[in-house]
Amino acid sequence: MIFFVISFLTNIIGPLVPDIIDSYNLSLTMVAVLPFAFFIAYGVMSIPSGILVEKFGEKSVMVIAFLLSSLGAFIFASSPTYAMYIVSLFLIGSGMAMLQVAINPLLRIAGGEEHFAFNSVIGQLFFGLASFLSPLVYSYLVVNLKQGNSSSWFLEKMSNLVPAELPWISLYWVFAAVSLLMVIVIAVTSFPSVERKEDEKVGAMDTHVMLLKKPMVWMYFLAIFCYVGSEQGVANWISEFLQTYHGVDPQTIGARTVALFWGLMVAGTILGLVLLKIVDSRKVLIGFSAATIISLGIALYGSKGVALYAFPMVGFFASVMWSIIISLALNSVASHHGSLSGILVTGIAGGAILPLIVGSLGDAFGLRIGMLFVFISLGYILSIGFWSKPLITNQIISKTKA
């Protein structure tokens, strides 16, 4: 449930971009400030969240996280201004960062250590499923509210709560309610006590300083920075790109294309799991990264029909990057994996920086030129497959038999 809700709240900005631009008359740079506000919260909150979890426990931190998320969604839904949106997204992003830090150790204990890898994959599948569904929920709400359809109690309530010219704001009333519901669910649920392994603990400041002196740590931090930046640098601009260059309706076809981007990312994850049992993870990363670069090039310069398929294929091929980069990073050091994880998760702030760069370049030279910047970050991810030298490589079937 928590993986699902995190994703449901996180990956919705992309489909909303055309509506946000129209509603507040924003430049591409100004609209890119919004995902910046959300993802910069990861850079600010990830390491402090680890400290809070160790001091107060997972349950307390998750309750606080969903309260922050509910508050952030509520203040924007009740006062839908651009400035309030920035504050709202930072609060929601802070809550999501806290949840990301708390959930994995809890999942290991709750499901049993021997099932942790399997349950982690299931968690990522639910994460992808929510990213697929949230644009469809947005499309359902906006289309029905614009048509004045109040055939259900829910739609009637939404039509009374949101301004007629801003039907997409209804999504944030949903977010506020869902987050508040999760506060109640977590508050009444009994969780097992988490005894952290030594390598799961967030170390003292001197441990972080020691790790940050290692060039390899910075290289993997940059890898996470580039991955999340690439993911958001594409997903956030798909709908606006299709509207600008192909005249696609962002509230229907645009939203569905973004949904397919996340849906195919789930499918790619499943294929990646199979491949990682038979091929070295570095070779998988090289192949999928090259395919991602090719797909993005086709999406940017192909026809409308081609772009509607090529953008989702970018999500399909990017699907394995996160898990492979994380595993290569953790398998490249012998100890202090908890502290390293905190540093790596801070790299999620790349989702703040790269969309902002794309937007700024888009204002100056056009969105198509702006999105070419993503090739730089994808190129760096491709390079990882050539320079990474993990202490432990992924176990493949032929090695197991040997």
Protein backbone atom coordinates (compact mmCIF):
# COMPACT_ATOMS: atom_id res chain seq x y z
CA MET A 1 0.00 0.00 0.00
CA ILE A 2 2.75 2.43 0.93
CA PHE A 3 4.73 1.81 -2.27
CA PHE A 4 1.51 2.32 -4.24
CA VAL A 5 0.62 5.60 -2.51
CA ILE A 6 4.18 7.00 -2.76
CA SER A 7 4.10 6.50 -6.51
CA PHE A 8 0.49 7.69 -6.88
CA LEU A 9 1.49 11.05 -5.37
CA THR A 10 4.98 11.32 -6.90
CA ASN A 11 4.68 10.83 -10.65
CA ILE A 12 1.64 12.94 -11.52
CA ILE A 13 3.28 16.28 -12.32
CA GLY A 14 4.13 15.31 -15.92
CA PRO A 15 0.51 14.86 -17.12
CA LEU A 16 -0.45 18.08 -15.33
CA VAL A 17 2.20 20.28 -17.00
CA PRO A 18 0.04 21.58 -19.90
CA ASP A 19 -2.82 22.40 -17.49
CA ILE A 20 -0.43 24.09 -15.06
CA ILE A 21 1.03 26.23 -17.86
CA ASP A 22 -2.44 27.27 -19.05
CA SER A 23 -3.79 27.88 -15.55
CA TYR A 24 -0.96 30.14 -14.35
CA ASN A 25 0.43 31.38 -17.71
CA LEU A 26 3.89 30.00 -16.94
CA SER A 27 7.08 29.67 -18.94
CA LEU A 28 8.68 26.22 -19.20
CA THR A 29 11.28 27.28 -16.63
CA MET A 30 8.63 28.39 -14.14
CA VAL A 31 6.67 25.17 -14.48
CA ALA A 32 9.92 23.20 -14.01
CA VAL A 33 10.30 24.87 -10.60
CA LEU A 34 7.42 22.66 -9.42
CA PRO A 35 9.14 19.26 -9.80
CA PHE A 36 12.26 21.03 -8.50
CA ALA A 37 10.40 21.85 -5.26
CA PHE A 38 9.23 18.24 -4.97
CA PHE A 39 12.49 16.42 -5.66
CA ILE A 40 14.80 18.84 -3.87
CA ALA A 41 13.02 17.66 -0.71
CA TYR A 42 14.76 14.30 -1.21
CA GLY A 43 18.12 16.04 -1.16
CA VAL A 44 17.18 17.90 2.02
CA MET A 45 15.34 15.15 3.91
CA SER A 46 16.88 11.76 3.05
CA ILE A 47 19.76 11.65 5.55
CA PRO A 48 17.81 13.43 8.36
CA SER A 49 14.99 10.92 7.79
CA GLY A 50 17.38 8.04 8.45
CA ILE A 51 18.35 9.63 11.75
CA LEU A 52 14.67 10.16 12.67
CA VAL A 53 13.83 6.53 11.87
CA GLU A 54 16.58 5.27 14.15
CA LYS A 55 15.46 7.57 16.97
CA PHE A 56 11.66 7.28 16.76
CA GLY A 57 11.02 4.13 14.72
CA GLU A 58 9.44 3.45 11.34
CA LYS A 59 5.80 3.75 12.40
CA SER A 60 6.13 7.23 13.91
CA VAL A 61 8.11 8.53 10.95
CA MET A 62 5.58 7.14 8.45
CA VAL A 63 2.68 8.76 10.33
CA ILE A 64 4.50 12.11 10.27
CA ALA A 65 5.32 11.63 6.58
CA PHE A 66 1.70 11.09 5.56
CA LEU A 67 0.57 13.99 7.76
CA LEU A 68 3.04 16.22 5.90
CA SER A 69 1.77 14.90 2.58
CA SER A 70 -1.87 15.43 3.53
CA LEU A 71 -1.14 18.95 4.77
CA GLY A 72 0.76 19.80 1.59
CA ALA A 73 -2.04 18.57 -0.67
CA PHE A 74 -4.74 20.27 1.44
CA ILE A 75 -3.15 23.73 1.52
CA PHE A 76 -2.83 23.77 -2.26
CA ALA A 77 -6.28 22.30 -2.93
CA SER A 78 -7.86 24.94 -0.68
CA SER A 79 -5.69 27.81 -2.00
CA PRO A 80 -4.63 26.90 -5.55
CA THR A 81 -2.00 29.55 -6.34
CA TYR A 82 1.39 29.02 -7.97
CA ALA A 83 3.31 30.05 -4.83
CA MET A 84 1.23 27.73 -2.66
CA TYR A 85 1.82 24.91 -5.16
CA ILE A 86 5.59 25.23 -4.65
CA VAL A 87 5.19 25.01 -0.84
CA SER A 88 2.74 22.12 -1.22
CA LEU A 89 5.06 20.07 -3.41
CA PHE A 90 8.00 20.56 -1.05
CA LEU A 91 5.90 19.27 1.86
CA ILE A 92 4.63 16.29 -0.14
CA GLY A 93 8.17 15.55 -1.36
CA SER A 94 9.50 15.68 2.22
CA GLY A 95 6.89 13.14 3.26
CA MET A 96 7.75 10.85 0.35
CA ALA A 97 11.48 11.05 1.19
CA MET A 98 10.77 10.01 4.79
CA LEU A 99 8.67 7.08 3.57
CA GLN A 100 11.36 5.88 1.14
CA VAL A 101 13.90 5.76 3.96
CA ALA A 102 11.56 4.00 6.42
CA ILE A 103 9.89 1.40 4.24
CA ASN A 104 12.72 -0.93 3.13
CA PRO A 105 14.03 -2.09 6.56
CA LEU A 106 10.41 -2.56 7.66
CA LEU A 107 9.63 -4.60 4.54
CA ARG A 108 12.61 -6.86 5.25
CA ILE A 109 11.30 -7.70 8.74
CA ALA A 110 7.56 -7.77 7.99
CA GLY A 111 7.88 -10.18 5.07
CA GLY A 112 10.83 -12.19 6.33
CA GLU A 113 14.44 -11.72 5.31
CA GLU A 114 14.37 -14.76 3.03
CA HIS A 115 11.56 -13.11 1.00
CA PHE A 116 12.97 -9.58 1.01
CA ALA A 117 14.22 -9.58 -2.59
CA PHE A 118 10.90 -10.94 -3.88
CA ASN A 119 8.85 -8.50 -1.78
CA SER A 120 11.03 -5.59 -2.94
CA VAL A 121 10.22 -6.45 -6.54
CA ILE A 122 6.52 -6.71 -5.69
CA GLY A 123 6.82 -3.28 -4.07
CA GLN A 124 8.34 -1.86 -7.26
CA LEU A 125 5.57 -3.43 -9.33
CA PHE A 126 2.94 -1.70 -7.17
CA PHE A 127 5.01 1.49 -7.48
CA GLY A 128 4.81 1.21 -11.27
CA LEU A 129 1.12 0.30 -11.21
CA ALA A 130 0.27 3.48 -9.30
CA SER A 131 2.30 5.60 -11.73
CA PHE A 132 0.27 4.01 -14.53
CA LEU A 133 -3.08 4.67 -12.80
CA SER A 134 -2.62 8.23 -11.52
CA PRO A 135 -2.66 9.87 -15.00
CA LEU A 136 -5.83 7.91 -15.79
CA VAL A 137 -7.46 9.16 -12.56
CA TYR A 138 -6.46 12.71 -13.56
CA SER A 139 -7.98 12.23 -17.02
CA TYR A 140 -11.21 10.83 -15.54
CA LEU A 141 -11.60 13.73 -13.12
CA VAL A 142 -10.78 16.53 -15.56
CA VAL A 143 -12.87 15.23 -18.46
CA ASN A 144 -15.95 14.68 -16.27
CA LEU A 145 -15.65 17.95 -14.35
CA LYS A 146 -15.18 19.96 -17.55
CA GLN A 147 -18.33 18.37 -18.95
CA GLY A 148 -20.24 19.17 -15.76
CA ASN A 149 -20.88 15.49 -15.14
CA SER A 150 -22.13 15.04 -11.55
CA SER A 151 -23.57 11.57 -11.98
CA SER A 152 -21.93 10.36 -8.76
CA TRP A 153 -21.59 11.73 -5.24
CA PHE A 154 -17.83 11.91 -5.70
CA LEU A 155 -17.96 14.00 -8.89
CA GLU A 156 -20.63 16.26 -7.40
CA LYS A 157 -18.46 16.85 -4.33
CA MET A 158 -15.42 17.60 -6.49
CA SER A 159 -17.35 20.07 -8.64
CA ASN A 160 -18.31 21.97 -5.48
CA LEU A 161 -14.75 22.00 -4.13
CA VAL A 162 -12.70 23.06 -7.16
CA PRO A 163 -12.89 26.20 -9.34
CA ALA A 164 -14.60 25.48 -12.67
CA GLU A 165 -11.55 26.75 -14.58
CA LEU A 166 -9.14 24.53 -12.58
CA PRO A 167 -10.66 21.01 -12.64
CA TRP A 168 -7.21 19.37 -12.26
CA ILE A 169 -7.01 20.75 -8.69
CA SER A 170 -9.48 17.96 -7.76
CA LEU A 171 -6.53 15.56 -7.86
CA TYR A 172 -5.01 17.27 -4.81
CA TRP A 173 -8.20 16.83 -2.80
CA VAL A 174 -7.85 13.13 -3.62
CA PHE A 175 -4.19 13.21 -2.53
CA ALA A 176 -5.08 14.93 0.76
CA ALA A 177 -7.77 12.33 1.50
CA VAL A 178 -5.58 9.35 0.54
CA SER A 179 -2.68 10.59 2.68
CA LEU A 180 -4.97 11.16 5.66
CA LEU A 181 -6.43 7.68 5.21
CA MET A 182 -2.90 6.26 5.27
CA VAL A 183 -2.24 8.07 8.58
CA ILE A 184 -5.22 6.24 10.08
CA VAL A 185 -4.25 2.87 8.52
CA ILE A 186 -0.68 3.09 9.86
CA ALA A 187 -1.78 4.38 13.27
CA VAL A 188 -4.05 1.37 13.88
CA THR A 189 -1.70 -1.24 12.39
CA SER A 190 0.76 -3.20 14.50
CA PHE A 191 4.26 -3.30 13.02
CA PRO A 192 7.08 -5.66 13.97
CA SER A 193 10.07 -4.22 15.78
CA VAL A 194 12.92 -3.61 13.34
CA GLU A 195 16.34 -4.69 14.48
CA ARG A 196 18.62 -3.08 11.97
CA LYS A 197 21.61 -4.98 10.72
CA GLU A 198 24.90 -3.19 11.22
CA ASP A 199 25.18 -2.35 7.52
CA GLU A 200 21.63 -0.92 7.46
CA LYS A 201 22.29 1.70 10.11
CA VAL A 202 22.89 5.29 9.22
CA GLY A 203 26.38 6.02 10.42
CA ALA A 204 27.80 9.01 12.22
CA MET A 205 29.01 12.09 10.39
CA ASP A 206 32.58 10.77 10.22
CA THR A 207 31.29 7.70 8.34
CA HIS A 208 29.64 9.93 5.74
CA VAL A 209 32.78 12.04 5.45
CA MET A 210 34.87 8.90 4.97
CA LEU A 211 32.55 7.64 2.22
CA LEU A 212 32.40 11.02 0.50
CA LYS A 213 36.18 10.98 0.17
CA LYS A 214 35.87 7.98 -2.15
CA PRO A 215 35.57 8.95 -5.86
CA MET A 216 33.53 5.80 -6.48
CA VAL A 217 30.80 7.00 -4.07
CA TRP A 218 30.51 10.29 -5.97
CA MET A 219 30.36 8.42 -9.27
CA TYR A 220 27.42 6.31 -8.09
CA PHE A 221 25.75 9.33 -6.48
CA LEU A 222 25.98 11.02 -9.88
CA ALA A 223 24.55 7.87 -11.46
CA ILE A 224 21.42 8.03 -9.27
CA PHE A 225 21.26 11.79 -9.90
CA CYS A 226 21.36 11.17 -13.66
CA TYR A 227 18.86 8.30 -13.57
CA VAL A 228 16.13 10.13 -11.65
CA GLY A 229 16.87 13.29 -13.62
CA SER A 230 16.50 11.40 -16.90
CA GLU A 231 13.31 9.66 -15.78
CA GLN A 232 11.66 12.90 -14.68
CA GLY A 233 13.26 14.91 -17.49
CA VAL A 234 11.33 12.75 -19.94
CA ALA A 235 8.13 11.90 -18.01
CA ASN A 236 7.46 15.50 -16.93
CA TRP A 237 7.62 16.83 -20.48
CA ILE A 238 5.93 14.07 -22.54
CA SER A 239 2.45 15.58 -22.44
CA GLU A 240 3.65 19.14 -23.14
CA PHE A 241 5.90 17.92 -25.97
CA LEU A 242 3.04 16.01 -27.63
CA GLN A 243 0.73 19.03 -27.35
CA THR A 244 3.36 21.47 -28.66
CA TYR A 245 4.67 19.48 -31.62
CA HIS A 246 1.77 17.15 -32.50
CA GLY A 247 -1.36 18.92 -31.20
CA VAL A 248 -2.24 16.04 -28.87
CA ASP A 249 -4.92 16.64 -26.21
CA PRO A 250 -2.98 16.51 -22.90
CA GLN A 251 -6.03 15.56 -20.83
CA THR A 252 -6.75 12.37 -22.78
CA ILE A 253 -4.10 11.03 -25.22
CA GLY A 254 -1.28 12.91 -23.48
CA ALA A 255 -2.24 11.52 -20.08
CA ARG A 256 -2.59 8.00 -21.50
CA THR A 257 0.86 8.22 -23.08
CA VAL A 258 2.40 9.17 -19.73
CA ALA A 259 0.47 6.31 -18.12
CA LEU A 260 1.91 3.92 -20.71
CA PHE A 261 5.41 5.26 -19.98
CA TRP A 262 5.03 4.09 -16.36
CA GLY A 263 3.08 0.96 -17.28
CA LEU A 264 5.79 -0.26 -19.64
CA MET A 265 8.35 0.52 -16.98
CA VAL A 266 6.64 -2.20 -14.91
CA ALA A 267 6.83 -4.61 -17.84
CA GLY A 268 10.49 -3.77 -18.38
CA THR A 269 11.20 -4.47 -14.71
CA ILE A 270 9.82 -8.00 -15.09
CA LEU A 271 11.93 -8.63 -18.21
CA GLY A 272 14.95 -7.19 -16.42
CA LEU A 273 14.51 -9.68 -13.56
CA VAL A 274 14.65 -12.56 -16.02
CA LEU A 275 17.69 -11.16 -17.84
CA LEU A 276 19.57 -10.58 -14.58
CA LYS A 277 19.40 -14.34 -13.97
CA ILE A 278 21.21 -15.12 -17.21
CA VAL A 279 23.33 -12.04 -18.06
CA ASP A 280 25.81 -9.90 -16.10
CA SER A 281 24.00 -6.80 -14.80
CA ARG A 282 26.54 -4.48 -16.45
CA LYS A 283 25.76 -5.94 -19.88
CA VAL A 284 22.02 -5.57 -19.20
CA LEU A 285 22.60 -1.93 -18.23
CA ILE A 286 24.58 -1.24 -21.41
CA GLY A 287 21.92 -2.83 -23.64
CA PHE A 288 18.95 -1.15 -21.99
CA SER A 289 20.68 2.24 -21.77
CA ALA A 290 21.51 2.17 -25.48
CA ALA A 291 17.91 1.20 -26.29
CA THR A 292 16.63 4.06 -24.08
CA ILE A 293 18.79 6.57 -25.96
CA ILE A 294 17.58 5.29 -29.34
CA SER A 295 13.92 5.32 -28.23
CA LEU A 296 14.17 8.89 -26.96
CA GLY A 297 15.75 10.06 -30.21
CA ILE A 298 12.92 8.43 -32.20
CA ALA A 299 10.30 9.98 -29.87
CA LEU A 300 11.74 13.48 -30.28
CA TYR A 301 12.13 13.40 -34.06
CA GLY A 302 9.55 10.88 -35.20
CA SER A 303 5.99 11.52 -36.37
CA LYS A 304 3.03 11.83 -34.01
CA GLY A 305 2.17 8.13 -34.32
CA VAL A 306 5.78 7.12 -33.74
CA ALA A 307 6.16 9.43 -30.72
CA LEU A 308 3.06 7.98 -29.04
CA TYR A 309 4.80 4.58 -29.00
CA ALA A 310 8.42 5.67 -28.61
CA PHE A 311 7.94 7.68 -25.40
CA PRO A 312 6.46 4.66 -23.53
CA MET A 313 9.36 2.55 -24.84
CA VAL A 314 11.76 4.97 -23.12
CA GLY A 315 10.08 3.95 -19.85
CA PHE A 316 10.32 0.26 -20.80
CA PHE A 317 14.08 0.35 -21.38
CA ALA A 318 14.82 2.69 -18.45
CA SER A 319 13.11 0.27 -16.07
CA VAL A 320 16.21 -1.70 -14.99
CA MET A 321 18.48 1.30 -14.40
CA TRP A 322 17.56 2.11 -10.79
CA SER A 323 17.91 -1.41 -9.38
CA ILE A 324 21.13 -2.16 -11.29
CA ILE A 325 22.81 1.12 -10.30
CA ILE A 326 21.85 0.64 -6.63
CA SER A 327 23.08 -2.97 -6.58
CA LEU A 328 26.36 -2.10 -8.34
CA ALA A 329 26.94 0.74 -5.88
CA LEU A 330 26.26 -1.32 -2.74
CA ASN A 331 28.29 -4.23 -4.10
CA SER A 332 31.24 -1.91 -4.73
CA VAL A 333 31.87 -1.25 -1.02
CA ALA A 334 32.52 -3.77 1.72
CA SER A 335 30.73 -1.99 4.59
CA HIS A 336 28.65 1.04 5.70
CA HIS A 337 25.84 0.17 3.29
CA GLY A 338 23.26 2.10 5.34
CA SER A 339 25.21 5.34 5.16
CA LEU A 340 25.93 4.78 1.47
CA SER A 341 22.21 4.21 0.84
CA GLY A 342 21.45 7.56 2.46
CA ILE A 343 23.96 9.28 0.21
CA LEU A 344 22.60 7.53 -2.89
CA VAL A 345 18.96 8.35 -2.08
CA THR A 346 19.99 12.00 -1.81
CA GLY A 347 20.80 11.70 -5.51
CA ILE A 348 17.04 11.58 -6.18
CA ALA A 349 17.42 15.37 -6.15
CA GLY A 350 18.42 14.89 -9.80
CA GLY A 351 14.68 14.81 -10.44
CA ALA A 352 14.68 18.46 -9.37
CA ILE A 353 17.63 19.70 -11.42
CA LEU A 354 17.34 18.06 -14.85
CA PRO A 355 13.69 18.98 -15.58
CA LEU A 356 14.58 22.56 -14.62
CA ILE A 357 17.49 22.55 -17.09
CA VAL A 358 15.23 21.07 -19.80
CA GLY A 359 12.62 23.76 -19.13
CA SER A 360 15.17 26.59 -19.22
CA LEU A 361 16.66 25.33 -22.49
CA GLY A 362 13.12 24.83 -23.80
CA ASP A 363 12.27 28.48 -23.17
CA ALA A 364 15.40 29.57 -25.01
CA PHE A 365 15.53 27.12 -27.92
CA GLY A 366 12.30 25.08 -27.91
CA LEU A 367 11.28 22.03 -25.87
CA ARG A 368 12.68 19.52 -28.39
CA ILE A 369 16.15 21.06 -28.08
CA GLY A 370 15.74 21.26 -24.29
CA MET A 371 14.98 17.55 -24.04
CA LEU A 372 18.21 16.72 -25.89
CA PHE A 373 19.99 17.51 -22.61
CA VAL A 374 18.67 14.20 -21.27
CA PHE A 375 21.03 12.40 -23.67
CA ILE A 376 23.96 13.61 -21.54
CA SER A 377 22.64 11.97 -18.37
CA LEU A 378 21.65 8.80 -20.27
CA GLY A 379 25.14 8.68 -21.74
CA TYR A 380 26.64 8.73 -18.26
CA ILE A 381 24.38 5.83 -17.20
CA LEU A 382 25.50 3.91 -20.29
CA SER A 383 29.13 4.44 -19.25
CA ILE A 384 28.55 2.73 -15.88
CA GLY A 385 28.39 -0.63 -17.60
CA PHE A 386 31.96 -0.13 -18.80
CA TRP A 387 33.72 1.34 -15.73
CA SER A 388 31.94 -0.30 -12.77
CA LYS A 389 33.93 -2.97 -10.94
CA PRO A 390 31.72 -4.40 -8.16
CA LEU A 391 33.23 -6.62 -5.48
CA ILE A 392 30.30 -9.00 -6.01
CA THR A 393 28.56 -9.54 -9.35
CA ASN A 394 24.98 -10.69 -9.78
CA GLN A 395 24.60 -14.46 -9.61
CA ILE A 396 23.50 -15.88 -12.94
CA ILE A 397 22.23 -19.38 -13.71
CA SER A 398 25.42 -20.61 -15.39
CA LYS A 399 27.48 -19.51 -12.38
CA THR A 400 25.04 -21.17 -10.00
CA LYS A 401 25.36 -24.48 -11.84
CA ALA A 402 29.15 -24.19 -11.88
